[in-house]
Amino acid sequence: MTIEISGIQLFTLLKAKIGEKEATAVIEYVKQEANTAATKTSQFFSKDLDVLQIHVDLKLEQTKSDLYKAIFIMGLVQLLTILAGVLAIVKFTK
């Protein structure tokens, strides 16, 4: 369950209970903690994204390498097939 309250509403409620000076201090503390938590979360996800980017780059390089191998092998098979066909034609025409 989440309760949403604006800074002004929170200040007004706190001001009535603990006074203006203390309410201001509490609001500033909450803002600092929220900013600190947001910064830590951002740094945490930034590190995860960096690791993920490295992993994706590695996989992409492996895929490119595999694709180049497949293209080379297919070209070689086609060349051998053409040569076999030419040899067969030459052999049967004699």
N, C-alpha and C. Protein backbone atom coordinates (compact mmCIF):
# COMPACT_ATOMS: atom_id res chain seq x y z
N MET A 1 0.86 -1.18 0.00
CA MET A 1 0.00 0.00 0.00
C MET A 1 0.89 1.24 0.00
N THR A 2 0.60 2.17 -0.85
CA THR A 2 1.40 3.37 -0.97
C THR A 2 0.55 4.58 -0.65
N ILE A 3 1.12 5.46 0.13
CA ILE A 3 0.44 6.71 0.45
C ILE A 3 1.23 7.83 -0.21
N GLU A 4 0.54 8.63 -0.99
CA GLU A 4 1.20 9.75 -1.65
C GLU A 4 0.81 11.04 -0.94
N ILE A 5 1.83 11.83 -0.67
CA ILE A 5 1.60 13.11 0.00
C ILE A 5 2.62 14.10 -0.55
N SER A 6 2.21 15.31 -0.77
CA SER A 6 3.13 16.31 -1.30
C SER A 6 3.97 16.87 -0.16
N GLY A 7 5.05 17.52 -0.54
CA GLY A 7 5.94 18.12 0.46
C GLY A 7 5.23 19.19 1.28
N ILE A 8 4.37 19.93 0.62
CA ILE A 8 3.64 21.00 1.32
C ILE A 8 2.66 20.40 2.32
N GLN A 9 1.96 19.35 1.92
CA GLN A 9 1.02 18.70 2.85
C GLN A 9 1.75 18.11 4.04
N LEU A 10 2.89 17.47 3.78
CA LEU A 10 3.67 16.89 4.86
C LEU A 10 4.17 17.98 5.79
N PHE A 11 4.66 19.07 5.23
CA PHE A 11 5.14 20.18 6.05
C PHE A 11 4.02 20.74 6.92
N THR A 12 2.85 20.91 6.34
CA THR A 12 1.71 21.44 7.09
C THR A 12 1.35 20.52 8.25
N LEU A 13 1.29 19.22 7.99
CA LEU A 13 0.97 18.27 9.05
C LEU A 13 2.04 18.26 10.15
N LEU A 14 3.30 18.25 9.74
CA LEU A 14 4.38 18.23 10.72
C LEU A 14 4.45 19.53 11.50
N LYS A 15 4.22 20.64 10.83
CA LYS A 15 4.27 21.95 11.48
C LYS A 15 3.26 22.04 12.61
N ALA A 16 2.07 21.46 12.38
CA ALA A 16 1.04 21.48 13.41
C ALA A 16 1.43 20.60 14.60
N LYS A 17 2.17 19.53 14.36
CA LYS A 17 2.52 18.59 15.43
C LYS A 17 3.82 18.95 16.16
N ILE A 18 4.86 19.34 15.41
CA ILE A 18 6.17 19.51 16.05
C ILE A 18 6.76 20.91 15.90
N GLY A 19 6.12 21.77 15.16
CA GLY A 19 6.62 23.13 15.01
C GLY A 19 7.29 23.33 13.65
N GLU A 20 7.42 24.60 13.28
CA GLU A 20 7.91 24.94 11.95
C GLU A 20 9.38 24.58 11.75
N LYS A 21 10.21 24.89 12.73
CA LYS A 21 11.65 24.63 12.61
C LYS A 21 11.94 23.14 12.48
N GLU A 22 11.33 22.34 13.33
CA GLU A 22 11.53 20.90 13.30
C GLU A 22 10.94 20.28 12.01
N ALA A 23 9.79 20.79 11.58
CA ALA A 23 9.16 20.29 10.36
C ALA A 23 10.06 20.54 9.16
N THR A 24 10.68 21.73 9.11
CA THR A 24 11.59 22.05 8.02
C THR A 24 12.79 21.09 8.03
N ALA A 25 13.31 20.82 9.23
CA ALA A 25 14.44 19.91 9.34
C ALA A 25 14.07 18.51 8.88
N VAL A 26 12.89 18.04 9.26
CA VAL A 26 12.44 16.70 8.86
C VAL A 26 12.27 16.63 7.35
N ILE A 27 11.67 17.65 6.75
CA ILE A 27 11.46 17.69 5.31
C ILE A 27 12.81 17.66 4.59
N GLU A 28 13.77 18.45 5.04
CA GLU A 28 15.10 18.46 4.42
C GLU A 28 15.78 17.11 4.55
N TYR A 29 15.63 16.47 5.71
CA TYR A 29 16.23 15.15 5.92
C TYR A 29 15.62 14.12 4.96
N VAL A 30 14.31 14.16 4.82
CA VAL A 30 13.62 13.22 3.93
C VAL A 30 14.08 13.45 2.49
N LYS A 31 14.20 14.71 2.08
CA LYS A 31 14.67 15.01 0.72
C LYS A 31 16.08 14.49 0.49
N GLN A 32 16.97 14.69 1.48
CA GLN A 32 18.34 14.20 1.36
C GLN A 32 18.38 12.68 1.23
N GLU A 33 17.61 12.01 2.07
CA GLU A 33 17.59 10.55 2.04
C GLU A 33 17.02 10.03 0.72
N ALA A 34 15.99 10.69 0.22
CA ALA A 34 15.40 10.28 -1.05
C ALA A 34 16.42 10.47 -2.18
N ASN A 35 17.14 11.58 -2.18
CA ASN A 35 18.15 11.82 -3.20
C ASN A 35 19.29 10.82 -3.10
N THR A 36 19.70 10.51 -1.87
CA THR A 36 20.77 9.52 -1.66
C THR A 36 20.33 8.15 -2.18
N ALA A 37 19.11 7.75 -1.85
CA ALA A 37 18.60 6.46 -2.31
C ALA A 37 18.49 6.42 -3.83
N ALA A 38 18.06 7.51 -4.43
CA ALA A 38 17.94 7.57 -5.89
C ALA A 38 19.32 7.48 -6.53
N THR A 39 20.31 8.15 -5.95
CA THR A 39 21.67 8.11 -6.49
C THR A 39 22.25 6.71 -6.39
N LYS A 40 22.07 6.06 -5.24
CA LYS A 40 22.59 4.70 -5.06
C LYS A 40 21.93 3.73 -6.03
N THR A 41 20.62 3.88 -6.20
CA THR A 41 19.90 3.01 -7.13
C THR A 41 20.39 3.23 -8.55
N SER A 42 20.60 4.47 -8.91
CA SER A 42 21.10 4.79 -10.25
C SER A 42 22.48 4.20 -10.47
N GLN A 43 23.36 4.31 -9.49
CA GLN A 43 24.71 3.75 -9.61
C GLN A 43 24.65 2.23 -9.71
N PHE A 44 23.76 1.61 -8.93
CA PHE A 44 23.62 0.15 -8.96
C PHE A 44 23.20 -0.32 -10.34
N PHE A 45 22.17 0.32 -10.88
CA PHE A 45 21.69 -0.08 -12.20
C PHE A 45 22.68 0.28 -13.29
N SER A 46 23.44 1.35 -13.10
CA SER A 46 24.45 1.73 -14.08
C SER A 46 25.51 0.64 -14.19
N LYS A 47 25.94 0.09 -13.05
CA LYS A 47 26.92 -0.99 -13.07
C LYS A 47 26.34 -2.22 -13.77
N ASP A 48 25.08 -2.55 -13.46
CA ASP A 48 24.44 -3.69 -14.10
C ASP A 48 24.32 -3.49 -15.61
N LEU A 49 24.00 -2.29 -16.01
CA LEU A 49 23.88 -2.00 -17.44
C LEU A 49 25.24 -2.10 -18.14
N ASP A 50 26.30 -1.67 -17.45
CA ASP A 50 27.63 -1.80 -18.04
C ASP A 50 28.00 -3.26 -18.25
N VAL A 51 27.71 -4.09 -17.25
CA VAL A 51 28.00 -5.53 -17.36
C VAL A 51 27.17 -6.13 -18.49
N LEU A 52 25.91 -5.75 -18.56
CA LEU A 52 25.03 -6.26 -19.61
C LEU A 52 25.52 -5.83 -20.99
N GLN A 53 25.98 -4.60 -21.11
CA GLN A 53 26.49 -4.10 -22.39
C GLN A 53 27.72 -4.90 -22.83
N ILE A 54 28.61 -5.20 -21.89
CA ILE A 54 29.80 -6.00 -22.21
C ILE A 54 29.38 -7.39 -22.68
N HIS A 55 28.40 -7.97 -21.99
CA HIS A 55 27.92 -9.31 -22.35
C HIS A 55 27.29 -9.30 -23.75
N VAL A 56 26.50 -8.30 -24.04
CA VAL A 56 25.85 -8.19 -25.35
C VAL A 56 26.90 -8.00 -26.44
N ASP A 57 27.89 -7.17 -26.18
CA ASP A 57 28.96 -6.97 -27.17
C ASP A 57 29.70 -8.26 -27.45
N LEU A 58 29.99 -9.03 -26.41
CA LEU A 58 30.68 -10.31 -26.58
C LEU A 58 29.84 -11.27 -27.40
N LYS A 59 28.55 -11.37 -27.09
CA LYS A 59 27.66 -12.25 -27.84
C LYS A 59 27.56 -11.81 -29.30
N LEU A 60 27.52 -10.52 -29.54
CA LEU A 60 27.46 -10.01 -30.91
C LEU A 60 28.71 -10.39 -31.69
N GLU A 61 29.87 -10.26 -31.07
CA GLU A 61 31.11 -10.64 -31.73
C GLU A 61 31.14 -12.14 -32.03
N GLN A 62 30.66 -12.96 -31.09
CA GLN A 62 30.62 -14.40 -31.31
C GLN A 62 29.68 -14.74 -32.46
N THR A 63 28.54 -14.07 -32.50
CA THR A 63 27.56 -14.32 -33.56
C THR A 63 28.14 -13.92 -34.92
N LYS A 64 28.81 -12.77 -34.97
CA LYS A 64 29.43 -12.35 -36.23
C LYS A 64 30.47 -13.36 -36.68
N SER A 65 31.26 -13.84 -35.75
CA SER A 65 32.28 -14.83 -36.09
C SER A 65 31.65 -16.11 -36.63
N ASP A 66 30.58 -16.57 -35.97
CA ASP A 66 29.89 -17.77 -36.43
C ASP A 66 29.26 -17.56 -37.80
N LEU A 67 28.74 -16.38 -38.04
CA LEU A 67 28.13 -16.07 -39.33
C LEU A 67 29.20 -16.07 -40.44
N TYR A 68 30.35 -15.48 -40.16
CA TYR A 68 31.43 -15.50 -41.15
C TYR A 68 31.87 -16.92 -41.46
N LYS A 69 31.97 -17.76 -40.45
CA LYS A 69 32.34 -19.16 -40.67
C LYS A 69 31.31 -19.86 -41.55
N ALA A 70 30.03 -19.64 -41.25
CA ALA A 70 28.97 -20.28 -42.01
C ALA A 70 28.99 -19.82 -43.47
N ILE A 71 29.21 -18.54 -43.70
CA ILE A 71 29.26 -18.02 -45.06
C ILE A 71 30.44 -18.64 -45.82
N PHE A 72 31.60 -18.74 -45.17
CA PHE A 72 32.78 -19.33 -45.79
C PHE A 72 32.52 -20.79 -46.14
N ILE A 73 31.96 -21.53 -45.20
CA ILE A 73 31.70 -22.96 -45.44
C ILE A 73 30.69 -23.14 -46.57
N MET A 74 29.65 -22.32 -46.59
CA MET A 74 28.65 -22.43 -47.66
C MET A 74 29.29 -22.11 -49.02
N GLY A 75 30.14 -21.11 -49.08
CA GLY A 75 30.83 -20.79 -50.34
C GLY A 75 31.72 -21.94 -50.78
N LEU A 76 32.42 -22.54 -49.83
CA LEU A 76 33.28 -23.67 -50.15
C LEU A 76 32.47 -24.86 -50.65
N VAL A 77 31.34 -25.14 -50.02
CA VAL A 77 30.47 -26.24 -50.46
C VAL A 77 29.94 -25.96 -51.86
N GLN A 78 29.54 -24.73 -52.12
CA GLN A 78 29.05 -24.39 -53.46
C GLN A 78 30.15 -24.56 -54.52
N LEU A 79 31.36 -24.13 -54.17
CA LEU A 79 32.48 -24.28 -55.10
C LEU A 79 32.74 -25.76 -55.39
N LEU A 80 32.75 -26.58 -54.36
CA LEU A 80 32.98 -28.02 -54.55
C LEU A 80 31.85 -28.65 -55.37
N THR A 81 30.63 -28.21 -55.14
CA THR A 81 29.49 -28.73 -55.91
C THR A 81 29.63 -28.36 -57.39
N ILE A 82 30.01 -27.14 -57.67
CA ILE A 82 30.20 -26.71 -59.06
C ILE A 82 31.32 -27.50 -59.72
N LEU A 83 32.43 -27.67 -58.99
CA LEU A 83 33.54 -28.44 -59.55
C LEU A 83 33.14 -29.89 -59.81
N ALA A 84 32.40 -30.49 -58.90
CA ALA A 84 31.93 -31.87 -59.09
C ALA A 84 31.01 -31.95 -60.30
N GLY A 85 30.15 -30.96 -60.46
CA GLY A 85 29.26 -30.94 -61.63
C GLY A 85 30.03 -30.81 -62.92
N VAL A 86 31.03 -29.94 -62.96
CA VAL A 86 31.85 -29.76 -64.16
C VAL A 86 32.61 -31.05 -64.46
N LEU A 87 33.20 -31.67 -63.45
CA LEU A 87 33.92 -32.93 -63.66
C LEU A 87 32.99 -34.03 -64.16
N ALA A 88 31.78 -34.08 -63.63
CA ALA A 88 30.81 -35.08 -64.07
C ALA A 88 30.44 -34.87 -65.54
N ILE A 89 30.25 -33.62 -65.91
CA ILE A 89 29.90 -33.31 -67.30
C ILE A 89 31.06 -33.69 -68.23
N VAL A 90 32.27 -33.35 -67.84
CA VAL A 90 33.45 -33.67 -68.65
C VAL A 90 33.60 -35.18 -68.76
N LYS A 91 33.41 -35.92 -67.69
CA LYS A 91 33.59 -37.36 -67.69
C LYS A 91 32.53 -38.05 -68.56
N PHE A 92 31.28 -37.60 -68.48
CA PHE A 92 30.21 -38.25 -69.23
C PHE A 92 30.21 -37.85 -70.70
N THR A 93 30.84 -36.75 -71.05
CA THR A 93 30.87 -36.35 -72.47
C THR A 93 32.00 -37.04 -73.23
N LYS A 94 32.91 -37.68 -72.59
CA LYS A 94 34.00 -38.39 -73.28
C LYS A 94 33.62 -39.77 -73.65
